Protein backbone atom coordinates (compact mmCIF):
# COMPACT_ATOMS: atom_id res chain seq x y z
CA UNK A 1 0.05 0.08 -0.14
CA UNK A 2 1.36 3.49 -1.07
CA UNK A 3 2.21 6.12 2.05
CA UNK A 4 1.49 8.64 -0.64
CA UNK A 5 -0.16 12.07 0.45
CA UNK A 6 -2.82 13.00 -1.61
CA UNK A 7 -3.96 16.70 -2.08
CA UNK A 8 -7.67 17.44 -2.91
CA UNK A 9 -7.46 20.67 -5.50
CA UNK A 10 -10.89 21.92 -7.37
CA UNK A 11 -10.12 23.24 -10.43
CA UNK A 12 -13.45 24.90 -12.30
CA UNK A 13 -15.72 22.95 -10.00
CA UNK A 14 -14.23 19.77 -10.54
CA UNK A 15 -12.11 18.09 -7.91
CA UNK A 16 -9.02 15.88 -8.34
CA UNK A 17 -6.38 14.00 -5.99
CA UNK A 18 -3.09 14.53 -7.14
CA UNK A 19 0.21 14.11 -5.25
CA UNK A 20 2.30 16.82 -3.16
CA UNK A 21 4.35 18.78 -5.57
CA UNK A 22 1.94 18.57 -8.44
CA UNK A 23 1.36 22.04 -9.74
CA UNK A 24 -2.24 23.07 -11.09
CA UNK A 25 -1.27 22.72 -14.71
CA UNK A 26 -0.54 19.13 -14.01
CA UNK A 27 -3.53 18.27 -12.07
CA UNK A 28 -5.71 20.28 -14.94
CA UNK A 29 -4.09 18.34 -17.25
CA UNK A 30 -5.40 15.15 -15.16
CA UNK A 31 -8.66 16.44 -15.95
CA UNK A 32 -8.25 17.28 -19.07
CA UNK A 33 -10.61 18.65 -21.98
CA UNK A 34 -11.26 22.70 -21.31
CA UNK A 35 -10.14 22.81 -17.81
CA UNK A 36 -6.55 22.45 -19.13
CA UNK A 37 -4.95 26.19 -19.21
CA UNK A 38 -2.77 26.07 -22.25
CA UNK A 39 0.78 26.90 -22.33
CA UNK A 40 3.29 27.96 -24.83
CA UNK A 41 6.37 27.76 -22.59
CA UNK A 42 6.01 25.14 -20.27
CA UNK A 43 7.05 21.48 -21.63
CA UNK A 44 6.72 18.72 -18.93
CA UNK A 45 9.78 16.66 -20.50
CA UNK A 46 12.09 19.76 -19.88
CA UNK A 47 13.63 20.79 -16.22
CA UNK A 48 13.17 24.46 -15.68
CA UNK A 49 10.61 25.40 -18.45
CA UNK A 50 7.61 27.24 -17.91
CA UNK A 51 6.77 31.03 -16.42
CA UNK A 52 7.71 32.87 -19.22
CA UNK A 53 4.76 33.07 -21.99
CA UNK A 54 2.05 33.23 -18.72
CA UNK A 55 -0.87 31.91 -21.17
CA UNK A 56 -1.44 29.74 -18.02
CA UNK A 57 -2.50 32.33 -15.69
CA UNK A 58 -5.53 30.96 -13.04
CA UNK A 59 -7.35 32.63 -10.56
CA UNK A 60 -7.05 31.05 -7.10
CA UNK A 61 -10.42 31.41 -5.36
CA UNK A 62 -9.15 29.54 -2.46
CA UNK A 63 -5.74 28.91 -1.28
CA UNK A 64 -6.25 25.87 0.95
CA UNK A 65 -8.44 24.35 3.91
CA UNK A 66 -5.83 26.06 6.52
CA UNK A 67 -5.64 29.18 4.92
CA UNK A 68 -9.25 29.77 2.66
CA UNK A 69 -8.02 33.36 1.55
CA UNK A 70 -7.92 33.85 -2.38
CA UNK A 71 -4.45 35.07 -4.02
CA UNK A 72 -4.86 38.56 -5.02
CA UNK A 73 -3.27 38.07 -8.28
CA UNK A 74 -3.39 35.57 -11.24
CA UNK A 75 -0.66 32.89 -11.12
CA UNK A 76 1.19 30.87 -13.64
CA UNK A 77 -0.55 27.39 -13.39
CA UNK A 78 2.75 25.71 -14.41
CA UNK A 79 4.78 26.96 -11.52
CA UNK A 80 2.68 27.29 -8.85
CA UNK A 81 1.72 24.00 -6.87
CA UNK A 82 -1.27 22.98 -5.47
CA UNK A 83 -2.44 23.05 -1.61
CA UNK A 84 -4.93 20.64 0.22
CA UNK A 85 -8.42 21.80 -0.33
CA UNK A 86 -7.14 24.70 -3.48
CA UNK A 87 -9.76 26.19 -5.60
CA UNK A 88 -8.71 27.56 -8.76
CA UNK A 89 -10.80 29.14 -11.52
CA UNK A 90 -9.65 28.99 -15.03
CA UNK A 91 -12.58 29.07 -17.68
CA UNK A 92 -15.20 29.99 -15.06
CA UNK A 93 -13.01 33.40 -14.10
CA UNK A 94 -13.72 36.53 -16.34
CA UNK A 95 -10.79 37.46 -15.03
CA UNK A 96 -8.59 34.72 -16.43
CA UNK A 97 -10.36 35.46 -19.77
CA UNK A 98 -9.65 38.94 -20.33
CA UNK A 99 -5.73 38.60 -19.15
CA UNK A 100 -5.41 35.62 -21.33
CA UNK A 101 -6.82 37.65 -24.29
CA UNK A 102 -4.17 40.10 -23.63
CA UNK A 103 -1.56 38.25 -23.26
CA UNK A 104 -2.08 36.56 -26.67
CA UNK A 105 -2.55 40.00 -27.90
CA UNK A 106 0.70 40.51 -26.69
CA UNK A 107 2.59 37.51 -28.05
CA UNK A 108 1.00 38.39 -31.43
CA UNK A 109 2.32 42.46 -31.44
CA UNK A 110 5.54 40.96 -33.27
CA UNK A 111 4.42 37.73 -34.81
CA UNK A 112 3.97 38.38 -38.83
CA UNK A 113 0.55 37.06 -39.79
CA UNK A 114 2.06 34.74 -42.44
CA UNK A 115 0.27 31.36 -41.98
CA UNK A 116 -0.55 30.88 -45.49
CA UNK A 117 3.21 30.03 -45.75
CA UNK A 118 4.43 29.25 -42.58
CA UNK A 119 5.34 25.46 -42.57
CA UNK A 120 4.14 25.15 -38.95
CA UNK A 121 0.52 25.75 -40.14
CA UNK A 122 -1.96 23.29 -39.04
CA UNK A 123 -0.06 22.21 -36.29
CA UNK A 124 1.14 25.67 -34.32
CA UNK A 125 0.17 26.23 -31.05
CA UNK A 126 0.03 30.08 -31.52
CA UNK A 127 -2.54 29.56 -34.55
CA UNK A 128 -4.79 27.29 -31.89
CA UNK A 129 -4.42 29.79 -28.78
CA UNK A 130 -4.98 33.25 -30.66
CA UNK A 131 -8.30 31.25 -32.19
CA UNK A 132 -9.58 29.75 -28.43
CA UNK A 133 -8.68 33.00 -26.19
CA UNK A 134 -7.54 35.75 -28.25
CA UNK A 135 -9.57 38.49 -29.99
CA UNK A 136 -10.72 39.48 -33.57
CA UNK A 137 -7.80 42.32 -34.30
CA UNK A 138 -5.24 43.94 -32.83
CA UNK A 139 -4.47 47.26 -31.39
CA UNK A 140 -0.90 47.34 -32.10
CA UNK A 141 -0.48 49.69 -35.10
CA UNK A 142 3.51 50.12 -35.20
CA UNK A 143 6.10 48.35 -37.50
CA UNK A 144 6.73 45.19 -36.43
CA UNK A 145 10.48 43.96 -35.40
CA UNK A 146 12.14 41.62 -37.98
CA UNK A 147 15.31 39.41 -38.50
CA UNK A 148 17.00 37.70 -41.47
CA UNK A 149 16.32 34.00 -41.35
CA UNK A 150 19.68 31.96 -40.27
CA UNK A 151 20.53 28.47 -41.46
CA UNK A 152 21.89 26.69 -38.21
CA UNK A 153 23.33 24.34 -40.08
CA UNK A 154 22.48 21.56 -42.56
CA UNK A 155 19.12 21.06 -41.57
CA UNK A 156 17.60 23.49 -39.71
CA UNK A 157 16.46 26.96 -40.20
CA UNK A 158 15.72 29.66 -37.36
CA UNK A 159 13.12 32.22 -38.49
CA UNK A 160 13.72 35.16 -35.67
CA UNK A 161 10.72 36.94 -36.76
CA UNK A 162 8.15 34.41 -35.45
CA UNK A 163 9.91 33.03 -32.53
CA UNK A 164 7.85 34.44 -29.37
CA UNK A 165 10.87 33.40 -26.95
CA UNK A 166 9.98 30.63 -24.80
CA UNK A 167 13.38 29.20 -24.36
CA UNK A 168 11.92 25.53 -25.16
CA UNK A 169 14.78 24.98 -27.75
CA UNK A 170 17.04 26.45 -25.57
CA UNK A 171 16.32 23.97 -22.81
CA UNK A 172 16.69 21.01 -24.87
CA UNK A 173 19.76 22.08 -26.45
CA UNK A 174 21.19 22.53 -23.03
CA UNK A 175 19.94 19.08 -21.48
CA UNK A 176 19.97 16.94 -24.38
CA UNK A 177 23.85 17.97 -26.26
CA UNK A 178 27.02 18.33 -24.33
CA UNK A 179 27.60 21.66 -25.69
CA UNK A 180 24.80 24.47 -25.84
CA UNK A 181 26.10 26.63 -28.92
CA UNK A 182 22.88 29.10 -29.15
CA UNK A 183 20.66 30.98 -26.51
CA UNK A 184 18.90 34.38 -26.07
CA UNK A 185 21.26 37.31 -27.09
CA UNK A 186 20.17 40.85 -25.77
CA UNK A 187 17.74 42.40 -23.80
CA UNK A 188 13.99 43.78 -24.54
CA UNK A 189 12.54 44.09 -27.31
CA UNK A 190 15.72 43.17 -28.82
CA UNK A 191 15.91 39.78 -27.27
CA UNK A 192 17.02 36.86 -29.75
CA UNK A 193 17.47 33.20 -30.37
CA UNK A 194 20.84 33.35 -31.93
CA UNK A 195 23.92 31.07 -32.12
CA UNK A 196 27.92 32.97 -30.83
CA UNK A 197 29.63 34.37 -34.13
CA UNK A 198 26.71 32.54 -36.56
CA UNK A 199 27.58 29.33 -35.25
CA UNK A 200 26.10 26.09 -36.85
CA UNK A 201 24.54 23.55 -34.50
CA UNK A 202 26.60 20.26 -34.68
CA UNK A 203 24.75 17.92 -32.42
CA UNK A 204 23.44 13.99 -32.67
CA UNK A 205 20.05 15.12 -31.11
CA UNK A 206 19.61 18.62 -32.07
CA UNK A 207 17.04 18.25 -34.51
CA UNK A 208 14.42 17.88 -31.48
CA UNK A 209 14.53 21.52 -31.38
CA UNK A 210 12.25 21.59 -34.23
CA UNK A 211 9.97 19.09 -31.99
CA UNK A 212 9.27 21.03 -29.41
CA UNK A 213 9.22 25.07 -30.84
CA UNK A 214 5.38 25.81 -30.63
CA UNK A 215 5.51 27.98 -33.72
CA UNK A 216 7.22 27.97 -36.92
CA UNK A 217 10.60 29.55 -35.49
CA UNK A 218 12.44 26.53 -36.35
CA UNK A 219 11.90 24.53 -39.37
CA UNK A 220 13.10 21.21 -41.00
CA UNK A 221 14.91 22.67 -43.90
CA UNK A 222 14.69 18.97 -45.91
CA UNK A 223 10.76 19.71 -45.44
CA UNK A 224 10.54 23.47 -46.00
CA UNK A 225 7.69 24.44 -48.36
CA UNK A 226 7.20 20.53 -49.70
CA UNK A 227 3.75 19.96 -48.72
CA UNK A 228 1.07 20.88 -46.03
CA UNK A 229 1.17 18.93 -43.15
CA UNK A 230 -3.21 18.27 -43.33
CA UNK A 231 -2.32 16.45 -46.98
CA UNK A 232 -0.05 14.17 -45.41
CA UNK A 233 -0.60 11.05 -43.72
CA UNK A 234 0.93 10.43 -40.34
CA UNK A 235 2.08 6.98 -39.10
CA UNK A 236 3.77 5.47 -36.44
CA UNK A 237 7.02 3.68 -37.38
CA UNK A 238 10.13 2.28 -35.69
CA UNK A 239 13.73 1.05 -36.68
CA UNK A 240 16.77 -0.33 -34.82
CA UNK A 241 18.76 2.89 -33.93
CA UNK A 242 21.98 2.71 -31.44
CA UNK A 243 21.58 6.70 -30.64
CA UNK A 244 17.80 6.70 -30.15
CA UNK A 245 14.93 4.83 -29.34
CA UNK A 246 13.80 5.17 -33.27
CA UNK A 247 10.26 5.23 -32.75
CA UNK A 248 9.13 7.92 -35.00
CA UNK A 249 6.33 9.66 -36.81
CA UNK A 250 6.41 9.29 -40.53
CA UNK A 251 4.68 11.22 -42.36
CA UNK A 252 3.47 10.44 -46.09
CA UNK A 253 2.00 11.21 -49.39
CA UNK A 254 1.63 8.03 -51.31
CA UNK A 255 4.58 5.87 -50.41
CA UNK A 256 6.85 8.89 -49.77
CA UNK A 257 8.19 9.73 -46.80
CA UNK A 258 8.27 13.81 -46.63
CA UNK A 259 9.21 13.92 -42.82
CA UNK A 260 10.00 12.55 -39.79
CA UNK A 261 9.29 13.97 -36.20
CA UNK A 262 8.94 12.21 -32.84
CA UNK A 263 5.41 10.92 -31.33
CA UNK A 264 3.84 13.56 -29.41
CA UNK A 265 0.94 13.29 -27.02
CA UNK A 266 -2.24 15.35 -26.74
CA UNK A 267 -0.36 18.34 -25.17
CA UNK A 268 2.21 18.45 -27.80
CA UNK A 269 4.79 17.05 -26.19
CA UNK A 270 7.07 14.25 -26.95
CA UNK A 271 5.70 10.98 -25.95
CA UNK A 272 7.42 8.30 -23.77
CA UNK A 273 8.94 5.88 -25.44
CA UNK A 274 8.62 1.84 -25.23
CA UNK A 275 11.84 1.76 -22.98
CA UNK A 276 10.37 4.16 -20.26
CA UNK A 277 12.45 7.78 -21.49
CA UNK A 278 11.40 10.92 -23.32
CA UNK A 279 11.56 9.72 -27.14
CA UNK A 280 14.20 11.86 -28.54
CA UNK A 281 15.33 10.95 -31.77
CA UNK A 282 18.61 11.46 -33.42
CA UNK A 283 19.62 13.56 -36.64
CA UNK A 284 20.04 10.42 -38.63
CA UNK A 285 16.24 9.15 -38.07
CA UNK A 286 14.99 12.24 -38.58
CA UNK A 287 16.79 13.88 -41.58
CA UNK A 288 18.65 11.06 -43.52
CA UNK A 289 15.97 8.00 -43.08
CA UNK A 290 13.50 9.14 -45.60
CA UNK A 291 12.74 6.01 -47.33
CA UNK A 292 10.07 3.87 -46.73
CA UNK A 293 11.76 0.57 -46.70
CA UNK A 294 14.04 2.16 -43.67
CA UNK A 295 10.92 1.46 -41.67
CA UNK A 296 8.62 -1.05 -39.68
CA UNK A 297 4.96 0.69 -40.29
CA UNK A 298 2.91 -0.30 -37.17
CA UNK A 299 -0.36 1.55 -38.43
CA UNK A 300 -1.76 5.15 -38.83
CA UNK A 301 -1.55 7.89 -35.99
CA UNK A 302 -4.55 8.45 -33.87
CA UNK A 303 -5.18 12.40 -34.59
CA UNK A 304 -7.35 14.12 -32.21
CA UNK A 305 -10.32 15.48 -34.31
CA UNK A 306 -9.45 18.79 -32.93
CA UNK A 307 -6.74 19.06 -35.09
CA UNK A 308 -6.90 19.95 -38.74
CA UNK A 309 -4.26 16.94 -39.65
CA UNK A 310 -7.05 14.33 -38.54
CA UNK A 311 -9.29 15.14 -42.05
CA UNK A 312 -9.85 11.91 -43.75
CA UNK A 313 -7.90 9.97 -41.62
CA UNK A 314 -10.10 9.04 -38.74
CA UNK A 315 -9.05 5.43 -37.19
CA UNK A 316 -12.29 3.19 -37.03
CA UNK A 317 -14.33 5.17 -39.16
CA UNK A 318 -17.71 3.25 -40.05
CA UNK A 319 -18.81 4.29 -43.45
CA UNK A 320 -22.46 4.08 -44.06
CA UNK A 321 -23.51 1.16 -46.66
CA UNK A 322 -24.76 1.86 -50.21
CA UNK A 323 -28.40 1.40 -50.39
CA UNK A 324 -28.50 1.80 -54.15
CA UNK A 325 -27.18 -1.93 -55.10
CA UNK A 326 -29.33 -3.49 -52.47
CA UNK A 327 -32.79 -2.09 -53.88
CA UNK A 328 -31.49 -2.49 -57.70
CA UNK A 329 -30.46 -6.20 -56.63
CA UNK A 330 -26.72 -5.63 -56.77
CA UNK A 331 -26.75 -3.96 -60.30
CA UNK A 332 -24.14 -1.01 -60.53
CA UNK A 333 -25.55 2.48 -60.83
CA UNK A 334 -22.70 2.71 -63.68
CA UNK A 335 -24.73 0.42 -65.59
CA UNK A 336 -27.94 2.06 -65.69
CA UNK A 337 -26.44 5.78 -66.14
CA UNK A 338 -24.04 4.42 -69.05
CA UNK A 339 -24.85 7.19 -71.95
CA UNK A 340 -21.09 6.36 -73.80
CA UNK A 341 -23.38 5.44 -76.75
CA UNK A 342 -25.37 8.51 -77.06
CA UNK A 343 -22.80 10.77 -75.89
CA UNK A 344 -21.11 13.50 -78.40
CA UNK A 345 -18.62 14.48 -75.64
CA UNK A 346 -15.99 11.58 -75.56
CA UNK A 347 -14.88 9.73 -78.65
CA UNK A 348 -16.71 6.28 -79.02
CA UNK A 349 -14.01 4.08 -78.63
CA UNK A 350 -12.79 5.57 -75.33
CA UNK A 351 -14.50 4.30 -72.10
CA UNK A 352 -13.37 7.06 -69.54
CA UNK A 353 -14.60 4.63 -66.46
CA UNK A 354 -11.94 1.62 -67.91
CA UNK A 355 -9.20 4.27 -68.46
CA UNK A 356 -5.86 3.57 -65.78
CA UNK A 357 -5.17 7.02 -66.00
CA UNK A 358 -6.45 10.47 -66.08
CA UNK A 359 -8.80 11.64 -68.38
CA UNK A 360 -6.54 13.91 -71.14
CA UNK A 361 -8.20 16.45 -73.34
CA UNK A 362 -7.11 13.86 -76.39
CA UNK A 363 -10.23 11.92 -75.10
CA UNK A 364 -13.22 14.19 -76.00
CA UNK A 365 -14.08 15.57 -78.95
CA UNK A 366 -13.03 18.90 -79.87
């Protein structure tokens, strides 16, 4: 029997029991749904992350059973631990909704509205955040700050204009690589992610900064401008790799592998691998293994219907049966609507339904 002490916390009138030391955000994720505050900088797999974007602000209406006084200001749920008897308001608090809309507006001050050409479109956390928690317009009327695109090695491109300074890539490089070569330079509105004297990022696991980036600031150069994510089909696959877990997500169009990423959970964070460790993947698996024969396909990824990537890819979808063949005793409707002999559109010797290719202009009467 476990001697672990459980604390009761109520979030938006839903009570849950969590171990001591759990943050409000982690407790809300245990409940799930709209009760969970959004997070742009917090990443449970990265030590020290959180407390920078302020999108996860919540209202603590009751501190604890021993001290029921409310906290006077909104607090960052990713950095505030729960107390026994604590009561928290997220979507039920007008203060939180108004503050979150202001944070979204602030994050979008310098962010370019280039979603139609951004590779992150369709899986961008900032897109979801602005749609669900932002307002229709912006009051910002001044010129936005801009930066030149920088190649961080052979595989990664940095588009600093899109960056929201969440620090996730810095923590990833610091905790996965033996020597971090990039970080935040300058201060205030001049702050930027950069490398020391334009150095390239050379490390076997540096490609993971692409997966943790919540916006399109760090992109995969091998996938850049090649396709839209909602036109590709995500499937789970694995291979034997002596550097990483080898468990990945392939993004296919037909039999062509357009890109390789780590597997992600419902919060957009990298999943745990079968060995119990975080499923970070190496550069070889991510950038160099682009042939379907390199991988063992496990099956389609179960994508949340909330995502645009899930379009036409529902797992276990039951299609309604066709009633026409039943009514007409198995006869195909094409046989009943065959107007080939009387049509003057296509050539008499061409049967369009029997072509094993798309129809061309040469198949029709001019």
